[in-house]
């Protein structure tokens, strides 16, 4: 009798299990990543601006009061006291790298902070000769 009850219980247990067929989940409707189709360039630019170099500390530790005018014509042309030349304003992870070619101190490059460009004031930042990094000048520049 015990055998019969255990067989009966096993049959009942096995027959009570019902396998459910899995239903595939429907994917969520896609949403666009960019909701505003107007692209905005967040990079600052010097194009169309005029700046004046007011003071220079050169490698000989001599201060010079200056009034050199920098007119940034477009994204890579500028005029140094009226003489046309090239410049480059590049973006690094933490600063902007400004390279000025054909200046009174040669081809120089230095790092500007976002604040310098937005406020229009550069106070004594180092600019190094692009071809000889041991030569540097400190520049004070103001946007007019």
N, C-alpha and C. Protein backbone atom coordinates (compact mmCIF):
# COMPACT_ATOMS: atom_id res chain seq x y z
N UNK A 1 0.80 -1.17 0.00
CA UNK A 1 0.00 0.00 0.00
C UNK A 1 0.86 1.27 0.00
N UNK A 2 1.94 1.23 0.74
CA UNK A 2 2.83 2.38 0.77
C UNK A 2 3.39 2.64 -0.62
N UNK A 3 3.68 1.57 -1.32
CA UNK A 3 4.24 1.72 -2.66
C UNK A 3 3.18 2.34 -3.58
N UNK A 4 1.94 1.86 -3.43
CA UNK A 4 0.88 2.39 -4.26
C UNK A 4 0.65 3.87 -3.99
N UNK A 5 0.65 4.29 -2.73
CA UNK A 5 0.45 5.69 -2.37
C UNK A 5 1.62 6.54 -2.88
N UNK A 6 2.81 6.05 -2.77
CA UNK A 6 3.94 6.85 -3.24
C UNK A 6 3.94 6.96 -4.76
N UNK A 7 3.53 5.93 -5.49
CA UNK A 7 3.43 6.01 -6.95
C UNK A 7 2.32 6.98 -7.33
N UNK A 8 1.19 6.89 -6.61
CA UNK A 8 0.08 7.79 -6.89
C UNK A 8 0.46 9.25 -6.62
N UNK A 9 1.15 9.48 -5.55
CA UNK A 9 1.59 10.84 -5.22
C UNK A 9 2.57 11.37 -6.27
N UNK A 10 3.45 10.49 -6.72
CA UNK A 10 4.41 10.89 -7.75
C UNK A 10 3.72 11.24 -9.04
N UNK A 11 2.73 10.43 -9.44
CA UNK A 11 2.00 10.69 -10.67
C UNK A 11 1.23 12.00 -10.54
N UNK A 12 0.56 12.22 -9.42
CA UNK A 12 -0.18 13.46 -9.20
C UNK A 12 0.75 14.67 -9.21
N UNK A 13 1.89 14.53 -8.57
CA UNK A 13 2.85 15.64 -8.50
C UNK A 13 3.37 15.97 -9.88
N UNK A 14 3.73 14.98 -10.66
CA UNK A 14 4.26 15.21 -11.99
C UNK A 14 3.20 15.73 -12.95
N UNK A 15 1.99 15.27 -12.80
CA UNK A 15 0.94 15.72 -13.71
C UNK A 15 0.43 17.11 -13.35
N UNK A 16 0.67 17.57 -12.13
CA UNK A 16 0.20 18.91 -11.75
C UNK A 16 1.14 20.00 -12.24
N UNK A 17 2.35 19.65 -12.62
CA UNK A 17 3.29 20.65 -13.13
C UNK A 17 2.93 20.97 -14.59
N UNK A 18 2.73 22.25 -14.85
CA UNK A 18 2.42 22.68 -16.20
C UNK A 18 3.54 23.61 -16.65
N UNK A 19 4.11 23.29 -17.76
CA UNK A 19 5.17 24.12 -18.31
C UNK A 19 4.56 25.29 -19.08
N UNK A 20 4.96 26.49 -18.72
CA UNK A 20 4.46 27.68 -19.43
C UNK A 20 5.46 28.04 -20.52
N UNK A 21 4.95 28.35 -21.66
CA UNK A 21 5.80 28.77 -22.76
C UNK A 21 6.25 30.21 -22.51
N UNK A 22 7.56 30.48 -22.62
CA UNK A 22 8.02 31.86 -22.40
C UNK A 22 7.57 32.76 -23.55
N UNK A 23 7.20 33.97 -23.20
CA UNK A 23 6.80 34.96 -24.20
C UNK A 23 7.95 35.94 -24.36
N UNK A 24 8.38 36.18 -25.58
CA UNK A 24 9.46 37.15 -25.75
C UNK A 24 8.99 38.56 -25.37
N UNK A 25 9.87 39.28 -24.69
CA UNK A 25 9.54 40.64 -24.27
C UNK A 25 9.70 41.58 -25.45
N UNK A 26 8.74 42.45 -25.62
CA UNK A 26 8.79 43.42 -26.71
C UNK A 26 9.76 44.54 -26.34
N UNK A 27 10.61 44.96 -27.27
CA UNK A 27 11.55 46.05 -26.96
C UNK A 27 10.80 47.36 -26.75
N UNK A 28 11.42 48.22 -25.93
CA UNK A 28 10.85 49.55 -25.70
C UNK A 28 10.96 50.37 -26.99
N UNK A 29 10.02 51.25 -27.21
CA UNK A 29 10.13 52.09 -28.41
C UNK A 29 11.38 52.97 -28.30
N UNK A 30 12.08 53.13 -29.41
CA UNK A 30 13.32 53.90 -29.38
C UNK A 30 13.02 55.39 -29.22
N UNK A 31 13.91 56.06 -28.52
CA UNK A 31 13.81 57.51 -28.36
C UNK A 31 15.09 58.13 -28.89
N UNK A 32 15.00 59.27 -29.52
CA UNK A 32 16.22 59.88 -30.06
C UNK A 32 17.13 60.36 -28.93
N UNK A 33 18.42 60.25 -29.16
CA UNK A 33 19.39 60.72 -28.17
C UNK A 33 19.44 62.25 -28.18
N UNK A 34 19.47 62.83 -29.35
CA UNK A 34 19.49 64.29 -29.47
C UNK A 34 18.06 64.73 -29.73
N UNK A 35 17.50 65.47 -28.78
CA UNK A 35 16.12 65.92 -28.95
C UNK A 35 16.03 67.26 -29.64
N UNK A 36 17.13 68.03 -29.63
CA UNK A 36 17.16 69.32 -30.29
C UNK A 36 18.05 69.19 -31.53
N UNK A 37 17.51 69.29 -32.73
CA UNK A 37 18.33 69.08 -33.92
C UNK A 37 19.31 70.21 -34.21
N UNK A 38 19.21 71.33 -33.51
CA UNK A 38 20.13 72.44 -33.73
C UNK A 38 21.43 72.16 -33.00
N UNK A 39 22.53 72.04 -33.74
CA UNK A 39 23.83 71.80 -33.14
C UNK A 39 24.45 73.14 -32.75
N UNK A 40 25.06 73.18 -31.57
CA UNK A 40 25.69 74.40 -31.07
C UNK A 40 27.15 74.11 -30.84
N UNK A 41 28.02 74.98 -31.37
CA UNK A 41 29.45 74.84 -31.15
C UNK A 41 29.78 75.56 -29.85
N UNK A 42 30.21 74.80 -28.85
CA UNK A 42 30.48 75.39 -27.55
C UNK A 42 31.92 75.86 -27.41
N UNK A 43 32.73 75.70 -28.45
CA UNK A 43 34.11 76.13 -28.40
C UNK A 43 34.19 77.65 -28.55
N UNK A 44 34.98 78.27 -27.68
CA UNK A 44 35.15 79.72 -27.76
C UNK A 44 35.99 80.07 -28.98
N UNK A 45 35.81 81.28 -29.46
CA UNK A 45 36.53 81.74 -30.64
C UNK A 45 37.04 83.15 -30.41
N UNK A 46 38.14 83.48 -31.05
CA UNK A 46 38.68 84.84 -31.00
C UNK A 46 38.35 85.62 -32.26
N UNK A 47 37.75 84.98 -33.25
CA UNK A 47 37.46 85.62 -34.53
C UNK A 47 36.63 86.87 -34.33
N UNK A 48 37.04 87.96 -34.97
CA UNK A 48 36.32 89.22 -34.89
C UNK A 48 36.65 90.05 -33.67
N UNK A 49 37.59 89.61 -32.85
CA UNK A 49 37.94 90.34 -31.63
C UNK A 49 39.26 91.07 -31.78
N UNK A 50 39.42 92.13 -30.99
CA UNK A 50 40.67 92.88 -30.96
C UNK A 50 41.19 92.87 -29.53
N UNK A 51 42.46 92.53 -29.38
CA UNK A 51 43.13 92.48 -28.08
C UNK A 51 44.37 93.36 -28.15
N UNK A 52 44.82 93.85 -26.99
CA UNK A 52 46.02 94.69 -26.93
C UNK A 52 46.98 94.09 -25.90
N UNK A 53 48.24 93.89 -26.32
CA UNK A 53 49.29 93.47 -25.39
C UNK A 53 49.74 94.72 -24.65
N UNK A 54 49.55 94.75 -23.34
CA UNK A 54 49.87 95.95 -22.56
C UNK A 54 51.21 95.88 -21.85
N UNK A 55 51.66 94.65 -21.54
CA UNK A 55 52.93 94.51 -20.83
C UNK A 55 53.55 93.17 -21.18
N UNK A 56 54.90 93.12 -21.18
CA UNK A 56 55.64 91.91 -21.50
C UNK A 56 56.80 91.78 -20.52
N UNK A 57 57.00 90.58 -20.01
CA UNK A 57 58.21 90.26 -19.25
C UNK A 57 58.96 89.24 -20.09
N UNK A 58 60.13 89.66 -20.63
CA UNK A 58 60.85 88.75 -21.53
C UNK A 58 61.84 87.88 -20.77
N UNK A 59 62.57 87.05 -21.49
CA UNK A 59 63.49 86.10 -20.85
C UNK A 59 64.65 86.80 -20.15
N UNK A 60 64.91 88.05 -20.49
CA UNK A 60 65.97 88.80 -19.82
C UNK A 60 65.47 89.46 -18.54
N UNK A 61 64.24 89.11 -18.12
CA UNK A 61 63.61 89.65 -16.91
C UNK A 61 63.45 91.17 -17.00
N UNK A 62 63.17 91.65 -18.20
CA UNK A 62 62.96 93.08 -18.42
C UNK A 62 61.48 93.29 -18.75
N UNK A 63 60.82 94.17 -17.99
CA UNK A 63 59.43 94.51 -18.27
C UNK A 63 59.38 95.55 -19.38
N UNK A 64 58.48 95.37 -20.29
CA UNK A 64 58.25 96.34 -21.34
C UNK A 64 56.78 96.70 -21.34
N UNK A 65 56.47 97.97 -21.27
CA UNK A 65 55.10 98.41 -21.48
C UNK A 65 54.90 98.54 -22.97
N UNK A 66 53.85 97.90 -23.48
CA UNK A 66 53.62 97.82 -24.91
C UNK A 66 52.21 98.26 -25.22
N UNK A 67 51.94 98.43 -26.48
CA UNK A 67 50.58 98.64 -26.96
C UNK A 67 50.43 97.97 -28.33
N UNK A 68 50.80 96.69 -28.37
CA UNK A 68 50.70 95.92 -29.61
C UNK A 68 49.26 95.46 -29.79
N UNK A 69 48.73 95.67 -30.97
CA UNK A 69 47.35 95.31 -31.26
C UNK A 69 47.28 93.99 -32.00
N UNK A 70 46.39 93.11 -31.50
CA UNK A 70 46.12 91.83 -32.14
C UNK A 70 44.67 91.86 -32.61
N UNK A 71 44.48 91.83 -33.92
CA UNK A 71 43.13 91.80 -34.50
C UNK A 71 42.94 90.40 -35.08
N UNK A 72 42.03 89.62 -34.47
CA UNK A 72 41.75 88.27 -34.92
C UNK A 72 40.68 88.33 -36.01
N UNK A 73 41.12 88.15 -37.25
CA UNK A 73 40.26 88.33 -38.42
C UNK A 73 39.25 87.19 -38.54
N UNK A 74 39.73 85.96 -38.48
CA UNK A 74 38.84 84.79 -38.56
C UNK A 74 39.41 83.68 -37.70
N UNK A 75 39.09 82.44 -38.00
CA UNK A 75 39.50 81.34 -37.13
C UNK A 75 40.99 81.01 -37.18
N UNK A 76 41.75 81.52 -38.17
CA UNK A 76 43.19 81.27 -38.17
C UNK A 76 44.04 82.41 -38.73
N UNK A 77 43.46 83.58 -39.00
CA UNK A 77 44.22 84.74 -39.45
C UNK A 77 44.09 85.86 -38.42
N UNK A 78 45.21 86.53 -38.17
CA UNK A 78 45.18 87.69 -37.29
C UNK A 78 46.19 88.71 -37.79
N UNK A 79 46.11 89.92 -37.26
CA UNK A 79 47.07 90.97 -37.60
C UNK A 79 47.77 91.41 -36.33
N UNK A 80 49.10 91.40 -36.38
CA UNK A 80 49.93 91.86 -35.27
C UNK A 80 50.43 93.25 -35.65
N UNK A 81 49.85 94.27 -35.03
CA UNK A 81 50.17 95.67 -35.37
C UNK A 81 49.99 95.94 -36.86
N UNK A 82 48.94 95.35 -37.44
CA UNK A 82 48.62 95.59 -38.84
C UNK A 82 49.24 94.61 -39.81
N UNK A 83 50.21 93.81 -39.37
CA UNK A 83 50.85 92.84 -40.24
C UNK A 83 50.11 91.51 -40.17
N UNK A 84 49.64 90.99 -41.32
CA UNK A 84 48.88 89.74 -41.31
C UNK A 84 49.74 88.53 -40.96
N UNK A 85 49.16 87.63 -40.23
CA UNK A 85 49.84 86.40 -39.86
C UNK A 85 48.81 85.33 -39.50
N UNK A 86 49.28 84.22 -39.01
CA UNK A 86 48.42 83.10 -38.65
C UNK A 86 48.44 82.89 -37.13
N UNK A 87 47.35 82.30 -36.63
CA UNK A 87 47.30 81.88 -35.23
C UNK A 87 46.48 80.61 -35.16
N UNK A 88 46.57 79.95 -34.01
CA UNK A 88 45.78 78.74 -33.80
C UNK A 88 45.28 78.75 -32.36
N UNK A 89 43.99 78.53 -32.19
CA UNK A 89 43.40 78.39 -30.86
C UNK A 89 42.85 76.97 -30.78
N UNK A 90 43.57 76.12 -30.05
CA UNK A 90 43.18 74.73 -29.90
C UNK A 90 42.62 74.46 -28.52
N UNK A 91 41.89 73.37 -28.41
CA UNK A 91 41.26 73.00 -27.15
C UNK A 91 41.99 71.81 -26.56
N UNK A 92 42.35 71.90 -25.27
CA UNK A 92 42.90 70.77 -24.52
C UNK A 92 41.86 70.41 -23.47
N UNK A 93 42.05 69.31 -22.75
CA UNK A 93 41.04 68.94 -21.74
C UNK A 93 40.78 70.01 -20.68
N UNK A 94 41.78 70.82 -20.34
CA UNK A 94 41.58 71.80 -19.26
C UNK A 94 41.78 73.25 -19.68
N UNK A 95 42.38 73.50 -20.82
CA UNK A 95 42.68 74.87 -21.23
C UNK A 95 42.50 75.03 -22.73
N UNK A 96 42.77 76.24 -23.19
CA UNK A 96 42.88 76.53 -24.62
C UNK A 96 44.35 76.81 -24.91
N UNK A 97 44.86 76.30 -26.01
CA UNK A 97 46.25 76.52 -26.41
C UNK A 97 46.25 77.54 -27.54
N UNK A 98 46.83 78.71 -27.26
CA UNK A 98 46.91 79.79 -28.26
C UNK A 98 48.32 79.85 -28.80
N UNK A 99 48.46 79.70 -30.11
CA UNK A 99 49.75 79.84 -30.79
C UNK A 99 49.67 81.07 -31.68
N UNK A 100 50.62 81.98 -31.50
CA UNK A 100 50.72 83.20 -32.30
C UNK A 100 52.00 83.15 -33.12
N UNK A 101 51.88 83.33 -34.41
CA UNK A 101 53.05 83.26 -35.29
C UNK A 101 53.45 84.67 -35.71
N UNK A 102 54.75 84.84 -35.93
CA UNK A 102 55.32 86.10 -36.42
C UNK A 102 55.09 87.26 -35.46
N UNK A 103 55.31 87.05 -34.18
CA UNK A 103 55.22 88.16 -33.22
C UNK A 103 56.61 88.78 -33.06
N UNK A 104 56.71 89.81 -32.25
CA UNK A 104 58.00 90.44 -31.96
C UNK A 104 58.92 89.48 -31.20
N UNK A 105 58.36 88.42 -30.60
CA UNK A 105 59.14 87.45 -29.82
C UNK A 105 59.23 86.11 -30.53
N UNK A 106 58.89 86.09 -31.80
CA UNK A 106 58.94 84.86 -32.59
C UNK A 106 57.58 84.16 -32.61
N UNK A 107 57.61 82.89 -32.87
CA UNK A 107 56.39 82.07 -32.87
C UNK A 107 56.20 81.55 -31.45
N UNK A 108 55.14 82.00 -30.78
CA UNK A 108 54.97 81.67 -29.37
C UNK A 108 53.62 80.98 -29.14
N UNK A 109 53.57 80.20 -28.08
CA UNK A 109 52.34 79.52 -27.73
C UNK A 109 52.19 79.45 -26.23
N UNK A 110 50.95 79.54 -25.77
CA UNK A 110 50.69 79.47 -24.34
C UNK A 110 49.28 78.98 -24.07
N UNK A 111 49.04 78.66 -22.82
CA UNK A 111 47.73 78.15 -22.41
C UNK A 111 46.87 79.26 -21.83
N UNK A 112 45.64 79.33 -22.32
CA UNK A 112 44.65 80.27 -21.79
C UNK A 112 43.54 79.48 -21.12
N UNK A 113 42.99 80.04 -20.08
CA UNK A 113 41.86 79.42 -19.42
C UNK A 113 40.57 79.99 -20.00
N UNK A 114 39.51 79.29 -19.81
CA UNK A 114 38.20 79.76 -20.27
C UNK A 114 37.93 81.17 -19.74
N UNK A 115 38.29 81.40 -18.49
CA UNK A 115 38.08 82.72 -17.87
C UNK A 115 38.80 83.82 -18.65
N UNK A 116 40.03 83.55 -19.11
CA UNK A 116 40.79 84.56 -19.83
C UNK A 116 40.07 85.00 -21.10
N UNK A 117 39.50 84.06 -21.82
CA UNK A 117 38.83 84.39 -23.08
C UNK A 117 37.51 85.08 -22.82
N UNK A 118 36.74 84.58 -21.85
CA UNK A 118 35.43 85.16 -21.56
C UNK A 118 35.56 86.55 -20.96
N UNK A 119 36.49 86.73 -20.02
CA UNK A 119 36.64 88.03 -19.35
C UNK A 119 37.44 89.02 -20.20
N UNK A 120 38.21 88.52 -21.15
CA UNK A 120 39.02 89.40 -21.99
C UNK A 120 40.25 89.92 -21.28
N UNK A 121 40.80 89.12 -20.37
CA UNK A 121 41.96 89.57 -19.60
C UNK A 121 42.93 88.42 -19.39
N UNK A 122 44.17 88.66 -19.78
CA UNK A 122 45.26 87.72 -19.56
C UNK A 122 46.31 88.45 -18.75
N UNK A 123 46.60 87.95 -17.55
CA UNK A 123 47.55 88.62 -16.65
C UNK A 123 48.78 87.77 -16.41
N UNK A 124 49.83 88.05 -17.16
CA UNK A 124 51.12 87.43 -16.91
C UNK A 124 51.19 85.94 -17.16
N UNK A 125 50.54 85.45 -18.18
CA UNK A 125 50.64 84.03 -18.51
C UNK A 125 51.86 83.78 -19.39
N UNK A 126 52.47 82.62 -19.19
CA UNK A 126 53.67 82.26 -19.94
C UNK A 126 53.34 81.84 -21.36
N UNK A 127 54.10 82.39 -22.30
CA UNK A 127 54.06 81.98 -23.70
C UNK A 127 55.48 81.57 -24.08
N UNK A 128 55.61 80.35 -24.61
CA UNK A 128 56.92 79.80 -24.93
C UNK A 128 57.17 79.87 -26.43
N UNK A 129 58.45 80.05 -26.78
CA UNK A 129 58.85 79.97 -28.18
C UNK A 129 58.54 78.55 -28.65
N UNK A 130 57.83 78.43 -29.75
CA UNK A 130 57.39 77.13 -30.24
C UNK A 130 58.58 76.23 -30.60
N UNK A 131 59.68 76.83 -31.06
CA UNK A 131 60.83 76.05 -31.49
C UNK A 131 61.93 75.95 -30.44
N UNK A 132 61.84 76.75 -29.37
CA UNK A 132 62.84 76.73 -28.30
C UNK A 132 62.12 76.99 -26.99
N UNK A 133 61.71 75.92 -26.32
CA UNK A 133 60.87 76.08 -25.12
C UNK A 133 61.60 76.71 -23.94
N UNK A 134 62.92 76.88 -24.02
CA UNK A 134 63.62 77.55 -22.92
C UNK A 134 63.43 79.07 -23.00
N UNK A 135 62.99 79.57 -24.14
CA UNK A 135 62.70 81.01 -24.28
C UNK A 135 61.22 81.23 -24.03
N UNK A 136 60.91 82.10 -23.10
CA UNK A 136 59.51 82.39 -22.82
C UNK A 136 59.33 83.87 -22.52
N UNK A 137 58.09 84.31 -22.68
CA UNK A 137 57.70 85.67 -22.30
C UNK A 137 56.40 85.55 -21.51
N UNK A 138 56.22 86.47 -20.59
CA UNK A 138 54.94 86.59 -19.88
C UNK A 138 54.20 87.75 -20.54
N UNK A 139 52.93 87.51 -20.85
CA UNK A 139 52.15 88.53 -21.55
C UNK A 139 50.96 88.98 -20.70
N UNK A 140 50.69 90.27 -20.76
CA UNK A 140 49.47 90.85 -20.22
C UNK A 140 48.68 91.36 -21.41
N UNK A 141 47.51 90.80 -21.63
CA UNK A 141 46.71 91.11 -22.81
C UNK A 141 45.30 91.45 -22.37
N UNK A 142 44.70 92.46 -23.00
CA UNK A 142 43.35 92.87 -22.67
C UNK A 142 42.53 92.98 -23.95
N UNK A 143 41.30 92.48 -23.88
CA UNK A 143 40.39 92.60 -25.03
C UNK A 143 39.77 93.98 -25.02
N UNK A 144 39.73 94.60 -26.21
CA UNK A 144 39.09 95.94 -26.28
C UNK A 144 37.83 95.86 -27.14
